[in-house]
Amino acid sequence: MSANPTPENFQSKHPKPENFQSENNSSDIPNRDTGVSPRPLRQTRHGQRLVMFYPESETLVIETGFQDGHPKVRQHSSLPGRTDHPVYEMGPNLKVMWKSCLRGGWLSLFNRRTYFGTKRFRREIESSDLLRRHQIPTSHIHAISLTPGLLGYRVEMLIQLEPGVCSVQELLEDSSGDHMESDRVAAIARQIHAFHELGFLHGDLNLMNILVNKSAHSPTQVLLVDLDPGGLSPGVDRISNLARLCRSYAKVLSKGGTALASGDRFRFLYHATGGNKSLLRKAIAQCISKVPEKERCR
């Protein structure tokens, strides 16, 4: 597989995707003085399809057929989303999802499959790699592909699925027992704080995008997924990230989900702000208005 960062026929017929070069100079990827910097992505071309991945994922990219866009293995299952995403089993405890990135919101009524810009997807695979190298678990995005169309680019991702996990939303919606013990609440909050401390913000921080291990009998493992840095609005900070999460919590409650214990609500915000009094006050002020009235009085 030979790298071809600027394929001639792609460049001549279509505008070059933003920031699409072999050198990594993404100035909007956090780069604290931690000894870990963004790595260069390998790029290959297959017709008009451009594929970006890190070297250690090359074998998986080839074996799945993701490099040319045609699956080479039998589909194992699928996961729901804006469409059903096929899942492939590549070995013991290794399943990958072949995700077609589709638009949501009002714009999807006119243009569901293509994106005018591609920078957000490069940022997502880079952010995923940086976070995992900082020992913060998140989705392992093995590769992304960009295929030009009439009105932009079709985007696909090859994402590794984690075994034995579920979303926090699923836990709160499960009425069969108390799945959100205080220790688990604190672990989730501490992971969000560590994420923010590295300078990252989540483009869609909601309860579906926080995964934890299903077993409550082992230490809580927390994964932040679907980072979507392209979903960030101007002026967003860690407090508005937490407020967005509170809105998600309120939606679950409105549909009959289980509320956190009164002390756990404060415990979560305390750990999510690292115990910083100024940040904690701001978080309480913004988050309290997002939850139902009866929840504020508990």
Protein backbone atom coordinates (compact mmCIF):
# COMPACT_ATOMS: atom_id res chain seq x y z
CA MET A 1 0.00 0.00 0.00
CA SER A 2 1.69 3.17 -1.14
CA ALA A 3 1.03 6.59 0.32
CA ASN A 4 -0.14 9.33 -2.00
CA PRO A 5 -0.92 12.47 0.02
CA THR A 6 -2.04 14.59 -2.93
CA PRO A 7 -3.45 12.32 -5.65
CA GLU A 8 -3.48 14.08 -9.00
CA ASN A 9 -6.96 13.17 -10.24
CA PHE A 10 -8.54 13.96 -6.87
CA GLN A 11 -6.86 17.35 -6.61
CA SER A 12 -7.66 18.44 -10.13
CA LYS A 13 -11.39 17.66 -10.02
CA HIS A 14 -12.25 18.51 -6.44
CA PRO A 15 -11.21 21.11 -3.87
CA LYS A 16 -8.58 19.76 -1.53
CA PRO A 17 -10.05 18.87 1.88
CA GLU A 18 -8.98 21.31 4.60
CA ASN A 19 -5.84 20.35 6.47
CA PHE A 20 -5.42 17.28 4.25
CA GLN A 21 -1.68 16.83 4.08
CA SER A 22 0.90 14.41 5.40
CA GLU A 23 2.29 16.86 7.94
CA ASN A 24 0.19 17.39 11.02
CA ASN A 25 -0.21 21.07 11.81
CA SER A 26 -3.66 21.06 13.37
CA SER A 27 -3.38 24.13 15.55
CA ASP A 28 -6.76 23.46 17.19
CA ILE A 29 -5.72 20.10 18.66
CA PRO A 30 -4.69 20.66 22.29
CA ASN A 31 -0.94 20.36 22.77
CA ARG A 32 -0.11 20.86 26.44
CA ASP A 33 3.50 20.33 27.54
CA THR A 34 2.92 16.65 28.30
CA GLY A 35 5.43 15.07 25.94
CA VAL A 36 2.68 13.77 23.64
CA SER A 37 2.08 15.50 20.30
CA PRO A 38 -0.20 14.70 17.35
CA ARG A 39 1.25 12.04 15.05
CA PRO A 40 1.31 12.17 11.25
CA LEU A 41 -1.48 10.21 9.61
CA ARG A 42 -0.79 7.86 6.72
CA GLN A 43 -2.86 8.60 3.61
CA THR A 44 -3.67 6.35 0.66
CA ARG A 45 -5.83 6.69 -2.44
CA HIS A 46 -8.10 4.12 -4.04
CA GLY A 47 -9.79 5.74 -7.01
CA GLN A 48 -11.32 8.88 -5.60
CA ARG A 49 -11.54 7.43 -2.09
CA LEU A 50 -8.91 8.84 0.29
CA VAL A 51 -8.19 6.85 3.45
CA MET A 52 -6.37 8.16 6.55
CA PHE A 53 -5.05 5.96 9.36
CA TYR A 54 -2.15 5.42 11.72
CA PRO A 55 0.47 2.82 10.71
CA GLU A 56 -0.53 0.26 13.35
CA SER A 57 -4.05 0.09 11.84
CA GLU A 58 -2.91 -0.67 8.29
CA THR A 59 -3.46 -4.44 8.51
CA LEU A 60 -7.00 -3.99 9.83
CA VAL A 61 -7.78 -1.41 7.15
CA ILE A 62 -6.69 -3.90 4.46
CA GLU A 63 -8.34 -7.00 5.93
CA THR A 64 -11.74 -5.37 6.42
CA GLY A 65 -11.75 -3.93 2.90
CA PHE A 66 -12.05 -0.42 4.28
CA GLN A 67 -9.19 0.80 2.07
CA ASP A 68 -11.20 0.42 -1.12
CA GLY A 69 -14.70 0.68 0.37
CA HIS A 70 -15.76 -2.94 -0.24
CA PRO A 71 -16.08 -5.22 2.83
CA LYS A 72 -13.99 -8.40 2.62
CA VAL A 73 -15.50 -10.16 5.64
CA ARG A 74 -19.00 -11.33 6.47
CA GLN A 75 -21.10 -8.92 8.51
CA HIS A 76 -21.51 -10.03 12.13
CA SER A 77 -24.27 -7.66 13.23
CA SER A 78 -25.22 -3.99 13.08
CA LEU A 79 -25.62 -1.05 15.42
CA PRO A 80 -28.38 1.54 15.11
CA GLY A 81 -27.70 5.22 14.55
CA ARG A 82 -28.82 7.64 11.87
CA THR A 83 -28.62 4.46 9.81
CA ASP A 84 -27.70 0.87 10.65
CA HIS A 85 -23.91 0.57 10.83
CA PRO A 86 -22.48 -2.88 9.98
CA VAL A 87 -20.27 -4.62 12.53
CA TYR A 88 -17.51 -7.07 11.57
CA GLU A 89 -15.79 -9.60 13.83
CA MET A 90 -12.06 -9.59 13.10
CA GLY A 91 -10.87 -11.94 15.84
CA PRO A 92 -11.33 -12.82 19.51
CA ASN A 93 -12.68 -9.73 21.31
CA LEU A 94 -12.15 -7.58 18.22
CA LYS A 95 -15.20 -6.14 16.53
CA VAL A 96 -15.21 -3.04 14.37
CA MET A 97 -18.05 -0.84 13.19
CA TRP A 98 -18.03 0.54 9.64
CA LYS A 99 -19.78 3.85 10.24
CA SER A 100 -21.31 6.01 7.54
CA CYS A 101 -21.30 9.58 8.85
CA LEU A 102 -24.69 11.16 8.21
CA ARG A 103 -25.97 14.61 9.02
CA GLY A 104 -28.64 15.33 11.60
CA GLY A 105 -30.76 18.41 12.14
CA TRP A 106 -32.63 20.49 9.58
CA LEU A 107 -29.82 20.39 7.02
CA SER A 108 -30.25 16.61 6.73
CA LEU A 109 -33.59 17.26 5.02
CA PHE A 110 -31.67 18.55 2.01
CA ASN A 111 -28.25 16.95 2.31
CA ARG A 112 -27.89 13.88 4.52
CA ARG A 113 -24.83 12.10 3.20
CA THR A 114 -22.21 14.70 2.28
CA TYR A 115 -20.13 17.23 4.19
CA PHE A 116 -18.70 20.42 2.72
CA GLY A 117 -15.72 20.34 5.10
CA THR A 118 -13.54 17.47 6.25
CA LYS A 119 -11.40 19.06 8.96
CA ARG A 120 -13.70 17.90 11.79
CA PHE A 121 -13.15 14.24 10.92
CA ARG A 122 -9.38 14.55 10.87
CA ARG A 123 -9.58 16.33 14.21
CA GLU A 124 -11.65 13.46 15.62
CA ILE A 125 -9.20 10.70 14.70
CA GLU A 126 -6.28 12.84 15.96
CA SER A 127 -8.07 13.64 19.23
CA SER A 128 -8.92 9.97 19.75
CA ASP A 129 -5.27 9.01 19.31
CA LEU A 130 -3.99 11.77 21.61
CA LEU A 131 -6.43 10.91 24.38
CA ARG A 132 -5.59 7.22 24.35
CA ARG A 133 -1.89 8.07 24.47
CA HIS A 134 -2.68 10.22 27.52
CA GLN A 135 -4.31 7.13 29.10
CA ILE A 136 -7.84 8.50 28.72
CA PRO A 137 -9.98 5.75 27.17
CA THR A 138 -12.01 6.73 24.13
CA SER A 139 -13.14 5.21 20.84
CA HIS A 140 -10.29 3.72 18.83
CA ILE A 141 -10.88 5.16 15.37
CA HIS A 142 -8.74 3.02 13.09
CA ALA A 143 -9.38 4.95 9.88
CA ILE A 144 -11.50 7.52 8.10
CA SER A 145 -12.30 7.77 4.40
CA LEU A 146 -13.33 10.74 2.25
CA THR A 147 -14.99 10.25 -1.13
CA PRO A 148 -15.89 13.34 -3.16
CA GLY A 149 -19.41 13.72 -4.46
CA LEU A 150 -21.42 16.39 -6.20
CA LEU A 151 -21.88 18.50 -3.06
CA GLY A 152 -18.94 17.70 -0.80
CA TYR A 153 -17.54 14.50 0.65
CA ARG A 154 -18.98 11.23 1.85
CA VAL A 155 -17.27 10.19 5.08
CA GLU A 156 -16.86 6.79 6.68
CA MET A 157 -15.08 5.66 9.85
CA LEU A 158 -13.71 2.31 11.00
CA ILE A 159 -14.18 2.20 14.78
CA GLN A 160 -13.24 -0.51 17.22
CA LEU A 161 -16.02 -1.57 19.60
CA GLU A 162 -15.30 -2.13 23.27
CA PRO A 163 -16.64 -5.38 24.79
CA GLY A 164 -18.74 -5.43 27.95
CA VAL A 165 -19.73 -1.76 28.03
CA CYS A 166 -22.96 0.21 27.90
CA SER A 167 -23.91 3.87 27.99
CA VAL A 168 -24.76 5.77 31.15
CA GLN A 169 -28.13 6.52 29.56
CA GLU A 170 -28.87 2.80 29.31
CA LEU A 171 -28.04 2.37 32.99
CA LEU A 172 -30.36 5.19 34.05
CA GLU A 173 -33.14 3.86 31.85
CA ASP A 174 -32.84 0.35 33.32
CA SER A 175 -35.31 0.10 36.19
CA SER A 176 -34.16 -3.38 37.27
CA GLY A 177 -31.77 -2.06 39.89
CA ASP A 178 -29.50 0.72 41.16
CA HIS A 179 -26.72 0.79 38.58
CA MET A 180 -25.26 4.21 39.41
CA GLU A 181 -23.52 3.79 42.73
CA SER A 182 -21.64 6.75 44.19
CA ASP A 183 -18.23 5.33 43.25
CA ARG A 184 -19.31 4.96 39.62
CA VAL A 185 -20.68 8.52 39.53
CA ALA A 186 -17.39 9.87 40.90
CA ALA A 187 -15.32 7.82 38.41
CA ILE A 188 -17.26 9.21 35.47
CA ALA A 189 -16.84 12.76 36.76
CA ARG A 190 -13.09 12.34 37.30
CA GLN A 191 -12.66 11.08 33.75
CA ILE A 192 -14.48 14.11 32.36
CA HIS A 193 -12.29 16.37 34.49
CA ALA A 194 -9.11 14.69 33.19
CA PHE A 195 -10.40 15.12 29.64
CA HIS A 196 -11.03 18.84 30.21
CA GLU A 197 -7.69 19.33 31.97
CA LEU A 198 -5.88 18.27 28.79
CA GLY A 199 -7.60 21.12 26.97
CA PHE A 200 -10.23 19.02 25.18
CA LEU A 201 -13.93 19.76 24.86
CA HIS A 202 -16.58 17.29 23.73
CA GLY A 203 -18.72 18.28 20.75
CA ASP A 204 -21.75 16.39 22.06
CA LEU A 205 -21.30 15.46 25.72
CA ASN A 206 -24.42 13.46 26.55
CA LEU A 207 -25.22 10.29 28.47
CA MET A 208 -25.14 8.13 25.33
CA ASN A 209 -21.55 9.19 24.64
CA ILE A 210 -20.25 8.08 28.04
CA LEU A 211 -19.67 4.32 28.24
CA VAL A 212 -18.92 2.29 31.34
CA ASN A 213 -18.34 -1.40 32.01
CA LYS A 214 -21.60 -3.24 32.64
CA SER A 215 -20.31 -5.15 35.64
CA ALA A 216 -20.70 -3.20 38.86
CA HIS A 217 -18.47 -5.71 40.66
CA SER A 218 -15.25 -4.47 39.07
CA PRO A 219 -13.64 -1.00 39.14
CA THR A 220 -15.47 1.44 36.88
CA GLN A 221 -13.92 1.93 33.46
CA VAL A 222 -15.11 5.04 31.60
CA LEU A 223 -14.90 5.74 27.87
CA LEU A 224 -15.80 9.02 26.20
CA VAL A 225 -16.93 8.37 22.63
CA ASP A 226 -18.14 10.26 19.55
CA LEU A 227 -16.01 13.29 20.44
CA ASP A 228 -17.30 15.29 17.44
CA PRO A 229 -15.00 18.32 17.80
CA GLY A 230 -16.76 19.78 14.76
CA GLY A 231 -19.91 20.12 16.85
CA LEU A 232 -18.41 22.75 19.14
CA SER A 233 -19.96 26.19 18.98
CA PRO A 234 -17.93 29.39 19.48
CA GLY A 235 -17.46 30.25 23.13
CA VAL A 236 -17.97 26.72 24.44
CA ASP A 237 -16.00 25.88 27.59
CA ARG A 238 -15.91 23.06 30.13
CA ILE A 239 -18.85 24.52 32.06
CA SER A 240 -21.09 24.61 28.99
CA ASN A 241 -19.91 21.04 28.28
CA LEU A 242 -21.25 20.03 31.71
CA ALA A 243 -24.46 22.00 31.16
CA ARG A 244 -25.02 20.06 27.94
CA LEU A 245 -24.61 16.84 29.88
CA CYS A 246 -27.18 18.04 32.41
CA ARG A 247 -29.67 18.65 29.59
CA SER A 248 -29.13 15.06 28.52
CA TYR A 249 -29.75 13.91 32.09
CA ALA A 250 -32.97 15.95 32.23
CA LYS A 251 -34.22 14.29 29.02
CA VAL A 252 -33.66 10.85 30.51
CA LEU A 253 -35.59 11.86 33.65
CA SER A 254 -38.47 13.19 31.54
CA LYS A 255 -38.81 9.73 30.00
CA GLY A 256 -38.94 7.93 33.34
CA GLY A 257 -35.22 7.36 33.91
CA THR A 258 -33.73 6.85 37.36
CA ALA A 259 -32.54 10.00 39.12
CA LEU A 260 -29.17 10.16 40.84
CA ALA A 261 -29.14 10.27 44.63
CA SER A 262 -29.16 13.83 45.93
CA GLY A 263 -25.59 13.65 47.23
CA ASP A 264 -24.37 12.11 43.97
CA ARG A 265 -25.49 15.10 41.94
CA PHE A 266 -23.16 17.36 43.95
CA ARG A 267 -20.49 14.64 44.04
CA PHE A 268 -20.51 14.50 40.24
CA LEU A 269 -20.07 18.25 39.77
CA TYR A 270 -17.41 18.39 42.50
CA HIS A 271 -15.24 15.78 40.80
CA ALA A 272 -16.01 17.01 37.28
CA THR A 273 -14.58 20.42 38.23
CA GLY A 274 -11.67 18.98 40.20
CA GLY A 275 -13.00 20.55 43.38
CA ASN A 276 -12.16 24.03 42.08
CA LYS A 277 -14.53 26.33 43.99
CA SER A 278 -14.90 28.88 41.20
CA LEU A 279 -15.62 26.25 38.54
CA LEU A 280 -17.94 24.39 40.90
CA ARG A 281 -20.04 27.51 41.54
CA LYS A 282 -20.31 28.19 37.82
CA ALA A 283 -21.23 24.57 37.11
CA ILE A 284 -23.97 24.53 39.74
CA ALA A 285 -25.37 27.83 38.47
CA GLN A 286 -25.57 26.61 34.88
CA CYS A 287 -26.63 23.04 35.55
CA ILE A 288 -29.39 23.63 38.09
CA SER A 289 -31.52 25.43 35.51
CA LYS A 290 -31.33 22.43 33.15
CA VAL A 291 -33.01 19.90 35.43
CA PRO A 292 -36.73 19.68 36.34
CA GLU A 293 -38.05 21.76 39.23
CA LYS A 294 -38.66 18.74 41.46
CA GLU A 295 -35.07 17.63 40.90
CA ARG A 296 -33.74 21.00 42.09
CA CYS A 297 -35.60 20.72 45.38
CA ARG A 298 -34.34 17.27 46.34
